[in-house]
C-alpha atoms as a PDB file:
ATOM      1  CA  UNK A   1     -38.308   0.932  -8.558  1.00  0.00           C
ATOM      2  CA  UNK A   2     -34.892   2.540  -8.507  1.00  0.00           C
ATOM      3  CA  UNK A   3     -33.317   4.048  -5.428  1.00  0.00           C
ATOM      4  CA  UNK A   4     -30.820   6.900  -5.274  1.00  0.00           C
ATOM      5  CA  UNK A   5     -27.985   6.358  -2.834  1.00  0.00           C
ATOM      6  CA  UNK A   6     -27.506   9.941  -1.741  1.00  0.00           C
ATOM      7  CA  UNK A   7     -24.197   9.146  -0.096  1.00  0.00           C
ATOM      8  CA  UNK A   8     -22.628   7.845  -3.308  1.00  0.00           C
ATOM      9  CA  UNK A   9     -24.812   9.562  -5.909  1.00  0.00           C
ATOM     10  CA  UNK A  10     -25.796   6.354  -7.655  1.00  0.00           C
ATOM     11  CA  UNK A  11     -29.004   4.542  -8.560  1.00  0.00           C
ATOM     12  CA  UNK A  12     -29.707   1.004  -7.337  1.00  0.00           C
ATOM     13  CA  UNK A  13     -32.589  -1.411  -7.830  1.00  0.00           C
ATOM     14  CA  UNK A  14     -33.848  -1.586  -4.262  1.00  0.00           C
ATOM     15  CA  UNK A  15     -35.058   0.850  -1.653  1.00  0.00           C
ATOM     16  CA  UNK A  16     -32.321   0.434   0.908  1.00  0.00           C
ATOM     17  CA  UNK A  17     -28.866   1.930   0.913  1.00  0.00           C
ATOM     18  CA  UNK A  18     -27.455  -1.545   1.626  1.00  0.00           C
ATOM     19  CA  UNK A  19     -28.056  -2.442  -2.017  1.00  0.00           C
ATOM     20  CA  UNK A  20     -25.527   0.190  -3.049  1.00  0.00           C
ATOM     21  CA  UNK A  21     -22.251  -1.740  -3.537  1.00  0.00           C
ATOM     22  CA  UNK A  22     -20.237   1.037  -1.909  1.00  0.00           C
ATOM     23  CA  UNK A  23     -22.507   1.137   1.155  1.00  0.00           C
ATOM     24  CA  UNK A  24     -22.342  -2.661   1.390  1.00  0.00           C
ATOM     25  CA  UNK A  25     -18.516  -2.582   1.284  1.00  0.00           C
ATOM     26  CA  UNK A  26     -18.453   0.059   4.022  1.00  0.00           C
ATOM     27  CA  UNK A  27     -20.770  -2.016   6.174  1.00  0.00           C
ATOM     28  CA  UNK A  28     -18.506  -5.057   5.803  1.00  0.00           C
ATOM     29  CA  UNK A  29     -15.450  -3.018   6.730  1.00  0.00           C
ATOM     30  CA  UNK A  30     -17.235  -1.597   9.754  1.00  0.00           C
ATOM     31  CA  UNK A  31     -18.402  -5.066  10.867  1.00  0.00           C
ATOM     32  CA  UNK A  32     -14.741  -6.133  11.069  1.00  0.00           C
ATOM     33  CA  UNK A  33     -14.261  -3.290  13.524  1.00  0.00           C
ATOM     34  CA  UNK A  34     -16.909  -4.612  15.922  1.00  0.00           C
ATOM     35  CA  UNK A  35     -14.360  -6.853  17.638  1.00  0.00           C
ATOM     36  CA  UNK A  36     -11.789  -4.047  17.969  1.00  0.00           C
ATOM     37  CA  UNK A  37     -11.333  -1.599  20.811  1.00  0.00           C
ATOM     38  CA  UNK A  38     -11.880   2.107  20.202  1.00  0.00           C
ATOM     39  CA  UNK A  39      -8.111   2.711  20.078  1.00  0.00           C
ATOM     40  CA  UNK A  40      -7.619  -0.184  17.626  1.00  0.00           C
ATOM     41  CA  UNK A  41     -10.344   1.220  15.381  1.00  0.00           C
ATOM     42  CA  UNK A  42      -8.685   4.649  15.445  1.00  0.00           C
ATOM     43  CA  UNK A  43      -5.304   3.131  14.523  1.00  0.00           C
ATOM     44  CA  UNK A  44      -6.885   0.990  11.767  1.00  0.00           C
ATOM     45  CA  UNK A  45      -8.638   3.987  10.228  1.00  0.00           C
ATOM     46  CA  UNK A  46      -5.466   6.097  10.344  1.00  0.00           C
ATOM     47  CA  UNK A  47      -3.502   3.300   8.687  1.00  0.00           C
ATOM     48  CA  UNK A  48      -6.202   2.983   6.022  1.00  0.00           C
ATOM     49  CA  UNK A  49      -5.898   6.709   5.324  1.00  0.00           C
ATOM     50  CA  UNK A  50      -2.099   6.486   5.135  1.00  0.00           C
ATOM     51  CA  UNK A  51      -2.385   3.547   2.732  1.00  0.00           C
ATOM     52  CA  UNK A  52      -4.743   5.504   0.483  1.00  0.00           C
ATOM     53  CA  UNK A  53      -2.442   8.546   0.418  1.00  0.00           C
ATOM     54  CA  UNK A  54       0.657   6.420  -0.200  1.00  0.00           C
ATOM     55  CA  UNK A  55      -1.068   4.681  -3.115  1.00  0.00           C
ATOM     56  CA  UNK A  56      -1.732   8.056  -4.759  1.00  0.00           C
ATOM     57  CA  UNK A  57       1.778   9.275  -4.006  1.00  0.00           C
ATOM     58  CA  UNK A  58       3.370   6.111  -5.418  1.00  0.00           C
ATOM     59  CA  UNK A  59       1.763   6.960  -8.768  1.00  0.00           C
ATOM     60  CA  UNK A  60       3.451  10.375  -8.598  1.00  0.00           C
ATOM     61  CA  UNK A  61       6.846   8.813  -7.846  1.00  0.00           C
ATOM     62  CA  UNK A  62       6.452   6.385 -10.732  1.00  0.00           C
ATOM     63  CA  UNK A  63       5.712   9.316 -13.035  1.00  0.00           C
ATOM     64  CA  UNK A  64       8.936  10.999 -11.941  1.00  0.00           C
ATOM     65  CA  UNK A  65      10.852   7.749 -12.429  1.00  0.00           C
ATOM     66  CA  UNK A  66       9.491   7.263 -15.955  1.00  0.00           C
ATOM     67  CA  UNK A  67      10.347  10.851 -16.851  1.00  0.00           C
ATOM     68  CA  UNK A  68      13.873  10.508 -15.456  1.00  0.00           C
ATOM     69  CA  UNK A  69      14.555   7.264 -17.356  1.00  0.00           C
ATOM     70  CA  UNK A  70      13.245   8.839 -20.555  1.00  0.00           C
ATOM     71  CA  UNK A  71      15.179  12.110 -20.274  1.00  0.00           C
ATOM     72  CA  UNK A  72      18.433  11.114 -18.518  1.00  0.00           C
ATOM     73  CA  UNK A  73      18.632   7.301 -18.424  1.00  0.00           C
ATOM     74  CA  UNK A  74      22.291   6.850 -17.448  1.00  0.00           C
ATOM     75  CA  UNK A  75      22.130   9.343 -14.582  1.00  0.00           C
ATOM     76  CA  UNK A  76      18.851   7.787 -13.431  1.00  0.00           C
ATOM     77  CA  UNK A  77      20.389   4.291 -13.437  1.00  0.00           C
ATOM     78  CA  UNK A  78      23.267   5.517 -11.252  1.00  0.00           C
ATOM     79  CA  UNK A  79      20.850   7.128  -8.787  1.00  0.00           C
ATOM     80  CA  UNK A  80      18.670   4.012  -8.706  1.00  0.00           C
ATOM     81  CA  UNK A  81      21.735   1.876  -7.874  1.00  0.00           C
ATOM     82  CA  UNK A  82      22.448   4.164  -4.895  1.00  0.00           C
ATOM     83  CA  UNK A  83      18.815   4.118  -3.768  1.00  0.00           C
ATOM     84  CA  UNK A  84      18.716   0.322  -4.045  1.00  0.00           C
ATOM     85  CA  UNK A  85      21.888   0.018  -1.952  1.00  0.00           C
ATOM     86  CA  UNK A  86      20.447   2.322   0.732  1.00  0.00           C
ATOM     87  CA  UNK A  87      17.166   0.371   0.710  1.00  0.00           C
ATOM     88  CA  UNK A  88      19.151  -2.822   1.300  1.00  0.00           C
ATOM     89  CA  UNK A  89      20.873  -1.245   4.301  1.00  0.00           C
ATOM     90  CA  UNK A  90      17.546  -0.102   5.703  1.00  0.00           C
ATOM     91  CA  UNK A  91      16.133  -3.613   5.217  1.00  0.00           C
ATOM     92  CA  UNK A  92      19.024  -5.048   7.221  1.00  0.00           C
ATOM     93  CA  UNK A  93      18.337  -2.624  10.083  1.00  0.00           C
ATOM     94  CA  UNK A  94      14.637  -3.505  10.003  1.00  0.00           C
ATOM     95  CA  UNK A  95      15.538  -7.198  10.236  1.00  0.00           C
ATOM     96  CA  UNK A  96      17.599  -6.419  13.321  1.00  0.00           C
ATOM     97  CA  UNK A  97      14.727  -4.463  14.862  1.00  0.00           C
ATOM     98  CA  UNK A  98      12.344  -7.307  14.136  1.00  0.00           C
ATOM     99  CA  UNK A  99      14.700  -9.826  15.693  1.00  0.00           C
ATOM    100  CA  UNK A 100      14.678 -11.969  12.562  1.00  0.00           C
ATOM    101  CA  UNK A 101      17.390 -14.589  12.331  1.00  0.00           C
ATOM    102  CA  UNK A 102      19.161 -14.196   8.979  1.00  0.00           C
ATOM    103  CA  UNK A 103      20.168 -17.881   9.020  1.00  0.00           C
ATOM    104  CA  UNK A 104      16.486 -18.864   8.875  1.00  0.00           C
ATOM    105  CA  UNK A 105      16.046 -16.785   5.734  1.00  0.00           C
ATOM    106  CA  UNK A 106      19.094 -18.032   3.821  1.00  0.00           C
ATOM    107  CA  UNK A 107      17.203 -20.952   2.281  1.00  0.00           C
ATOM    108  CA  UNK A 108      14.079 -18.922   1.524  1.00  0.00           C
ATOM    109  CA  UNK A 109      14.137 -17.363  -1.981  1.00  0.00           C
ATOM    110  CA  UNK A 110      11.269 -15.059  -0.952  1.00  0.00           C
ATOM    111  CA  UNK A 111      13.305 -13.620   1.910  1.00  0.00           C
ATOM    112  CA  UNK A 112      15.567 -11.641  -0.419  1.00  0.00           C
ATOM    113  CA  UNK A 113      14.925  -7.930  -0.377  1.00  0.00           C
ATOM    114  CA  UNK A 114      13.031  -6.546  -3.337  1.00  0.00           C
ATOM    115  CA  UNK A 115      15.918  -4.166  -3.961  1.00  0.00           C
ATOM    116  CA  UNK A 116      18.156  -7.082  -4.997  1.00  0.00           C
ATOM    117  CA  UNK A 117      15.794  -7.917  -7.859  1.00  0.00           C
ATOM    118  CA  UNK A 118      16.484  -4.712  -9.799  1.00  0.00           C
ATOM    119  CA  UNK A 119      19.241  -4.582 -12.420  1.00  0.00           C
ATOM    120  CA  UNK A 120      19.784  -0.870 -12.529  1.00  0.00           C
END
């Protein structure tokens, strides 16, 4: 017998919504929230929503970047150099806010900012 998950509009081979993979994933996510306070759950859900929106928006930014490199590559490279330099400055301020000791990071190749890896 097949079962229609009305929430996700899909058919599954059992008679409970828990057999729907999407329902099962939601249940697992919600079970993680059992140990959280109501305020922590609210913050977690807001952050999840922000992450989802940022993921979609990052695709839009990458589309603009591809278009710019295709249409005006030299101008785009110059702008990317400036953006990378500003990102590096912001990273330094964030390190200061976080209280990170730069001397601890000097020997760590993973501590370098991602901006330094681009050869614009």
